[in-house]
Amino acid sequence: MEGVLGLLMNKETGGLDEILQAFNQQGLGEIASSWVGLGNNLPLTSEQVQEVLGSDVIQQLAEKSGISFDAARSQLTDLLPSLVDRLTPEGTIPEEGMLDKGLELLQGVFSQK
């Protein structure tokens, strides 16, 4: 969870905006848009996660978390849609300051567990 939040918060790589743009560039914009929108979230496969984020990013998250590559990829598949959905409750990407606040709150909630 912490690794996924870090990915969404990473200003150097563009954070949430850049991830959503990467999904669009890979032809998966409809899936990513469903997480932001107010309807149901479309499912994501582990292969799609790897296609969009790349093996290097997944491997780095796996190493930071002390889990296998496949476990990291699987967790990203499950967590990414729900986290993006929670960060965009109004169906739009909030302004940068509000997004940062939301990410900080989520990070606080999950670091207490």
N, C-alpha and C. Protein backbone atom coordinates (compact mmCIF):
# COMPACT_ATOMS: atom_id res chain seq x y z
N MET A 1 0.82 -1.19 0.00
CA MET A 1 0.00 0.00 0.00
C MET A 1 0.87 1.25 0.00
N GLU A 2 1.86 1.27 0.86
CA GLU A 2 2.74 2.43 0.96
C GLU A 2 3.45 2.70 -0.36
N GLY A 3 3.87 1.64 -1.03
CA GLY A 3 4.54 1.80 -2.31
C GLY A 3 3.63 2.38 -3.39
N VAL A 4 2.37 1.95 -3.39
CA VAL A 4 1.42 2.46 -4.37
C VAL A 4 1.13 3.94 -4.10
N LEU A 5 0.95 4.27 -2.82
CA LEU A 5 0.73 5.68 -2.46
C LEU A 5 1.94 6.52 -2.85
N GLY A 6 3.12 5.99 -2.62
CA GLY A 6 4.33 6.70 -3.02
C GLY A 6 4.38 6.95 -4.51
N LEU A 7 3.94 5.97 -5.27
CA LEU A 7 3.90 6.10 -6.73
C LEU A 7 2.93 7.21 -7.14
N LEU A 8 1.78 7.27 -6.48
CA LEU A 8 0.78 8.28 -6.80
C LEU A 8 1.19 9.68 -6.34
N MET A 9 2.06 9.74 -5.34
CA MET A 9 2.48 11.03 -4.78
C MET A 9 3.78 11.55 -5.39
N ASN A 10 4.49 10.72 -6.12
CA ASN A 10 5.82 11.06 -6.61
C ASN A 10 5.77 12.21 -7.62
N LYS A 11 6.17 13.37 -7.18
CA LYS A 11 6.16 14.57 -8.03
C LYS A 11 7.18 14.45 -9.17
N GLU A 12 8.27 13.72 -8.95
CA GLU A 12 9.32 13.58 -9.97
C GLU A 12 8.81 12.81 -11.19
N THR A 13 7.92 11.86 -10.96
CA THR A 13 7.39 11.07 -12.07
C THR A 13 6.00 11.54 -12.50
N GLY A 14 5.48 12.58 -11.89
CA GLY A 14 4.19 13.13 -12.29
C GLY A 14 3.01 12.64 -11.48
N GLY A 15 3.22 11.67 -10.61
CA GLY A 15 2.17 11.21 -9.73
C GLY A 15 0.94 10.68 -10.46
N LEU A 16 -0.21 10.96 -9.90
CA LEU A 16 -1.47 10.44 -10.41
C LEU A 16 -1.71 10.86 -11.86
N ASP A 17 -1.48 12.12 -12.17
CA ASP A 17 -1.70 12.60 -13.55
C ASP A 17 -0.89 11.80 -14.55
N GLU A 18 0.37 11.56 -14.22
CA GLU A 18 1.26 10.84 -15.15
C GLU A 18 0.83 9.38 -15.30
N ILE A 19 0.39 8.77 -14.22
CA ILE A 19 -0.07 7.38 -14.29
C ILE A 19 -1.30 7.28 -15.18
N LEU A 20 -2.24 8.20 -14.99
CA LEU A 20 -3.44 8.19 -15.82
C LEU A 20 -3.09 8.44 -17.29
N GLN A 21 -2.15 9.32 -17.53
CA GLN A 21 -1.70 9.59 -18.89
C GLN A 21 -1.05 8.35 -19.50
N ALA A 22 -0.27 7.62 -18.70
CA ALA A 22 0.37 6.40 -19.19
C ALA A 22 -0.67 5.36 -19.59
N PHE A 23 -1.75 5.25 -18.84
CA PHE A 23 -2.82 4.33 -19.22
C PHE A 23 -3.43 4.75 -20.55
N ASN A 24 -3.64 6.06 -20.73
CA ASN A 24 -4.17 6.56 -21.99
C ASN A 24 -3.25 6.22 -23.15
N GLN A 25 -1.96 6.41 -22.96
CA GLN A 25 -0.98 6.16 -24.02
C GLN A 25 -0.92 4.69 -24.41
N GLN A 26 -1.26 3.82 -23.49
CA GLN A 26 -1.24 2.38 -23.78
C GLN A 26 -2.59 1.87 -24.28
N GLY A 27 -3.51 2.80 -24.55
CA GLY A 27 -4.82 2.40 -25.04
C GLY A 27 -5.76 1.91 -23.96
N LEU A 28 -5.44 2.20 -22.71
CA LEU A 28 -6.24 1.74 -21.58
C LEU A 28 -6.91 2.91 -20.85
N GLY A 29 -7.12 3.99 -21.57
CA GLY A 29 -7.70 5.19 -20.98
C GLY A 29 -9.10 4.97 -20.43
N GLU A 30 -9.88 4.13 -21.11
CA GLU A 30 -11.25 3.86 -20.64
C GLU A 30 -11.23 3.22 -19.26
N ILE A 31 -10.29 2.32 -19.04
CA ILE A 31 -10.18 1.65 -17.74
C ILE A 31 -9.82 2.67 -16.67
N ALA A 32 -8.78 3.45 -16.90
CA ALA A 32 -8.33 4.43 -15.91
C ALA A 32 -9.40 5.50 -15.67
N SER A 33 -10.08 5.91 -16.72
CA SER A 33 -11.15 6.92 -16.57
C SER A 33 -12.29 6.40 -15.70
N SER A 34 -12.53 5.11 -15.73
CA SER A 34 -13.60 4.54 -14.91
C SER A 34 -13.28 4.67 -13.42
N TRP A 35 -12.01 4.66 -13.07
CA TRP A 35 -11.63 4.81 -11.65
C TRP A 35 -11.86 6.23 -11.17
N VAL A 36 -11.64 7.19 -12.07
CA VAL A 36 -11.84 8.59 -11.74
C VAL A 36 -13.32 8.93 -11.75
N GLY A 37 -14.06 8.38 -12.71
CA GLY A 37 -15.48 8.68 -12.87
C GLY A 37 -16.32 8.18 -11.71
N LEU A 38 -17.60 8.50 -11.77
CA LEU A 38 -18.52 8.18 -10.68
C LEU A 38 -19.14 6.79 -10.79
N GLY A 39 -18.97 6.11 -11.90
CA GLY A 39 -19.56 4.79 -12.08
C GLY A 39 -18.68 3.69 -11.49
N ASN A 40 -18.96 2.48 -11.91
CA ASN A 40 -18.19 1.33 -11.46
C ASN A 40 -16.78 1.36 -12.03
N ASN A 41 -15.82 0.84 -11.27
CA ASN A 41 -14.44 0.74 -11.72
C ASN A 41 -14.28 -0.48 -12.60
N LEU A 42 -13.73 -0.26 -13.79
CA LEU A 42 -13.43 -1.39 -14.66
C LEU A 42 -12.23 -2.15 -14.11
N PRO A 43 -12.22 -3.46 -14.29
CA PRO A 43 -11.11 -4.27 -13.76
C PRO A 43 -9.82 -4.05 -14.54
N LEU A 44 -8.74 -4.39 -13.89
CA LEU A 44 -7.39 -4.25 -14.42
C LEU A 44 -6.72 -5.61 -14.30
N THR A 45 -5.94 -5.98 -15.29
CA THR A 45 -5.20 -7.24 -15.20
C THR A 45 -3.75 -6.95 -14.80
N SER A 46 -3.10 -7.96 -14.29
CA SER A 46 -1.70 -7.78 -13.90
C SER A 46 -0.82 -7.52 -15.12
N GLU A 47 -1.20 -8.07 -16.26
CA GLU A 47 -0.45 -7.81 -17.49
C GLU A 47 -0.57 -6.35 -17.90
N GLN A 48 -1.76 -5.76 -17.73
CA GLN A 48 -1.95 -4.35 -18.06
C GLN A 48 -1.14 -3.45 -17.12
N VAL A 49 -1.09 -3.81 -15.85
CA VAL A 49 -0.28 -3.05 -14.90
C VAL A 49 1.17 -3.04 -15.35
N GLN A 50 1.68 -4.20 -15.71
CA GLN A 50 3.07 -4.30 -16.14
C GLN A 50 3.30 -3.54 -17.44
N GLU A 51 2.35 -3.60 -18.35
CA GLU A 51 2.46 -2.89 -19.61
C GLU A 51 2.56 -1.38 -19.40
N VAL A 52 1.77 -0.86 -18.48
CA VAL A 52 1.72 0.59 -18.25
C VAL A 52 2.86 1.08 -17.36
N LEU A 53 3.07 0.42 -16.24
CA LEU A 53 4.08 0.89 -15.28
C LEU A 53 5.48 0.41 -15.62
N GLY A 54 5.58 -0.71 -16.26
CA GLY A 54 6.87 -1.28 -16.60
C GLY A 54 7.42 -2.18 -15.51
N SER A 55 8.22 -3.12 -15.92
CA SER A 55 8.80 -4.10 -15.00
C SER A 55 9.71 -3.46 -13.96
N ASP A 56 10.45 -2.42 -14.35
CA ASP A 56 11.39 -1.79 -13.42
C ASP A 56 10.67 -1.17 -12.23
N VAL A 57 9.57 -0.47 -12.47
CA VAL A 57 8.80 0.16 -11.39
C VAL A 57 8.23 -0.91 -10.47
N ILE A 58 7.68 -1.95 -11.05
CA ILE A 58 7.10 -3.03 -10.25
C ILE A 58 8.18 -3.71 -9.42
N GLN A 59 9.34 -3.94 -10.01
CA GLN A 59 10.44 -4.57 -9.29
C GLN A 59 10.90 -3.70 -8.13
N GLN A 60 10.99 -2.40 -8.34
CA GLN A 60 11.38 -1.48 -7.26
C GLN A 60 10.38 -1.52 -6.11
N LEU A 61 9.08 -1.53 -6.44
CA LEU A 61 8.05 -1.62 -5.40
C LEU A 61 8.13 -2.95 -4.66
N ALA A 62 8.41 -4.01 -5.40
CA ALA A 62 8.53 -5.33 -4.79
C ALA A 62 9.69 -5.36 -3.80
N GLU A 63 10.83 -4.81 -4.20
CA GLU A 63 12.00 -4.79 -3.34
C GLU A 63 11.76 -3.94 -2.09
N LYS A 64 11.14 -2.78 -2.26
CA LYS A 64 10.83 -1.92 -1.11
C LYS A 64 9.89 -2.59 -0.13
N SER A 65 8.97 -3.39 -0.67
CA SER A 65 7.97 -4.05 0.17
C SER A 65 8.41 -5.41 0.67
N GLY A 66 9.51 -5.92 0.13
CA GLY A 66 9.99 -7.24 0.55
C GLY A 66 9.12 -8.38 0.05
N ILE A 67 8.52 -8.19 -1.12
CA ILE A 67 7.66 -9.22 -1.70
C ILE A 67 8.16 -9.56 -3.10
N SER A 68 7.61 -10.61 -3.67
CA SER A 68 8.03 -11.02 -5.01
C SER A 68 7.47 -10.07 -6.06
N PHE A 69 8.05 -10.13 -7.23
CA PHE A 69 7.59 -9.33 -8.37
C PHE A 69 6.12 -9.62 -8.64
N ASP A 70 5.76 -10.91 -8.70
CA ASP A 70 4.38 -11.29 -9.01
C ASP A 70 3.40 -10.81 -7.94
N ALA A 71 3.83 -10.86 -6.68
CA ALA A 71 2.96 -10.37 -5.59
C ALA A 71 2.77 -8.86 -5.70
N ALA A 72 3.82 -8.13 -6.03
CA ALA A 72 3.72 -6.68 -6.19
C ALA A 72 2.79 -6.34 -7.35
N ARG A 73 2.95 -7.04 -8.44
CA ARG A 73 2.12 -6.81 -9.62
C ARG A 73 0.65 -7.10 -9.30
N SER A 74 0.41 -8.15 -8.57
CA SER A 74 -0.95 -8.52 -8.18
C SER A 74 -1.56 -7.48 -7.25
N GLN A 75 -0.77 -7.01 -6.30
CA GLN A 75 -1.28 -6.01 -5.36
C GLN A 75 -1.55 -4.69 -6.07
N LEU A 76 -0.71 -4.31 -7.01
CA LEU A 76 -0.97 -3.10 -7.80
C LEU A 76 -2.27 -3.24 -8.58
N THR A 77 -2.52 -4.42 -9.11
CA THR A 77 -3.74 -4.69 -9.86
C THR A 77 -4.97 -4.45 -9.00
N ASP A 78 -4.89 -4.85 -7.75
CA ASP A 78 -6.02 -4.69 -6.83
C ASP A 78 -6.12 -3.28 -6.26
N LEU A 79 -4.98 -2.69 -5.89
CA LEU A 79 -4.98 -1.43 -5.17
C LEU A 79 -5.13 -0.19 -6.04
N LEU A 80 -4.53 -0.19 -7.20
CA LEU A 80 -4.51 1.01 -8.02
C LEU A 80 -5.92 1.53 -8.36
N PRO A 81 -6.83 0.69 -8.84
CA PRO A 81 -8.17 1.20 -9.15
C PRO A 81 -8.89 1.79 -7.93
N SER A 82 -8.82 1.10 -6.80
CA SER A 82 -9.55 1.59 -5.62
C SER A 82 -8.93 2.86 -5.04
N LEU A 83 -7.61 2.97 -5.08
CA LEU A 83 -6.97 4.19 -4.58
C LEU A 83 -7.27 5.39 -5.46
N VAL A 84 -7.20 5.20 -6.76
CA VAL A 84 -7.52 6.31 -7.67
C VAL A 84 -8.98 6.71 -7.47
N ASP A 85 -9.86 5.74 -7.31
CA ASP A 85 -11.27 6.01 -7.07
C ASP A 85 -11.47 6.84 -5.80
N ARG A 86 -10.79 6.48 -4.74
CA ARG A 86 -10.90 7.21 -3.47
C ARG A 86 -10.31 8.61 -3.54
N LEU A 87 -9.30 8.78 -4.36
CA LEU A 87 -8.66 10.09 -4.49
C LEU A 87 -9.46 11.04 -5.39
N THR A 88 -10.44 10.50 -6.09
CA THR A 88 -11.23 11.31 -7.01
C THR A 88 -12.73 11.14 -6.72
N PRO A 89 -13.17 11.44 -5.50
CA PRO A 89 -14.55 11.15 -5.10
C PRO A 89 -15.61 11.94 -5.87
N GLU A 90 -15.25 13.05 -6.42
CA GLU A 90 -16.21 13.88 -7.17
C GLU A 90 -16.20 13.54 -8.66
N GLY A 91 -15.42 12.56 -9.06
CA GLY A 91 -15.36 12.17 -10.46
C GLY A 91 -14.37 12.97 -11.28
N THR A 92 -13.55 13.76 -10.61
CA THR A 92 -12.50 14.54 -11.28
C THR A 92 -11.24 14.49 -10.43
N ILE A 93 -10.12 14.76 -11.07
CA ILE A 93 -8.86 14.82 -10.33
C ILE A 93 -8.84 16.16 -9.60
N PRO A 94 -8.72 16.14 -8.29
CA PRO A 94 -8.72 17.40 -7.55
C PRO A 94 -7.48 18.24 -7.86
N GLU A 95 -7.59 19.52 -7.54
CA GLU A 95 -6.44 20.39 -7.70
C GLU A 95 -5.28 19.83 -6.90
N GLU A 96 -4.06 20.21 -7.28
CA GLU A 96 -2.86 19.63 -6.69
C GLU A 96 -2.87 19.66 -5.16
N GLY A 97 -3.21 20.77 -4.57
CA GLY A 97 -3.21 20.86 -3.11
C GLY A 97 -4.17 19.90 -2.46
N MET A 98 -5.36 19.77 -3.05
CA MET A 98 -6.36 18.85 -2.51
C MET A 98 -5.94 17.40 -2.71
N LEU A 99 -5.34 17.11 -3.84
CA LEU A 99 -4.86 15.76 -4.10
C LEU A 99 -3.77 15.39 -3.10
N ASP A 100 -2.86 16.31 -2.86
CA ASP A 100 -1.80 16.07 -1.88
C ASP A 100 -2.38 15.77 -0.51
N LYS A 101 -3.40 16.54 -0.12
CA LYS A 101 -4.05 16.32 1.18
C LYS A 101 -4.67 14.92 1.24
N GLY A 102 -5.36 14.54 0.17
CA GLY A 102 -5.98 13.22 0.12
C GLY A 102 -4.97 12.10 0.21
N LEU A 103 -3.87 12.26 -0.49
CA LEU A 103 -2.80 11.25 -0.44
C LEU A 103 -2.19 11.16 0.96
N GLU A 104 -1.99 12.31 1.58
CA GLU A 104 -1.44 12.32 2.93
C GLU A 104 -2.38 11.63 3.91
N LEU A 105 -3.68 11.90 3.78
CA LEU A 105 -4.65 11.26 4.65
C LEU A 105 -4.66 9.75 4.47
N LEU A 106 -4.67 9.30 3.21
CA LEU A 106 -4.64 7.86 2.96
C LEU A 106 -3.36 7.23 3.48
N GLN A 107 -2.26 7.92 3.30
CA GLN A 107 -0.99 7.38 3.78
C GLN A 107 -1.02 7.26 5.31
N GLY A 108 -1.58 8.24 5.98
CA GLY A 108 -1.71 8.19 7.44
C GLY A 108 -2.58 7.04 7.90
N VAL A 109 -3.69 6.81 7.21
CA VAL A 109 -4.60 5.73 7.57
C VAL A 109 -3.92 4.38 7.44
N PHE A 110 -3.20 4.18 6.34
CA PHE A 110 -2.59 2.88 6.11
C PHE A 110 -1.31 2.66 6.88
N SER A 111 -0.65 3.73 7.29
CA SER A 111 0.58 3.55 8.07
C SER A 111 0.26 3.22 9.53
N GLN A 112 -0.96 3.48 9.96
CA GLN A 112 -1.37 3.15 11.34
C GLN A 112 -1.73 1.70 11.49
N LYS A 113 -1.98 1.03 10.39
CA LYS A 113 -2.42 -0.39 10.46
C LYS A 113 -1.24 -1.31 10.59
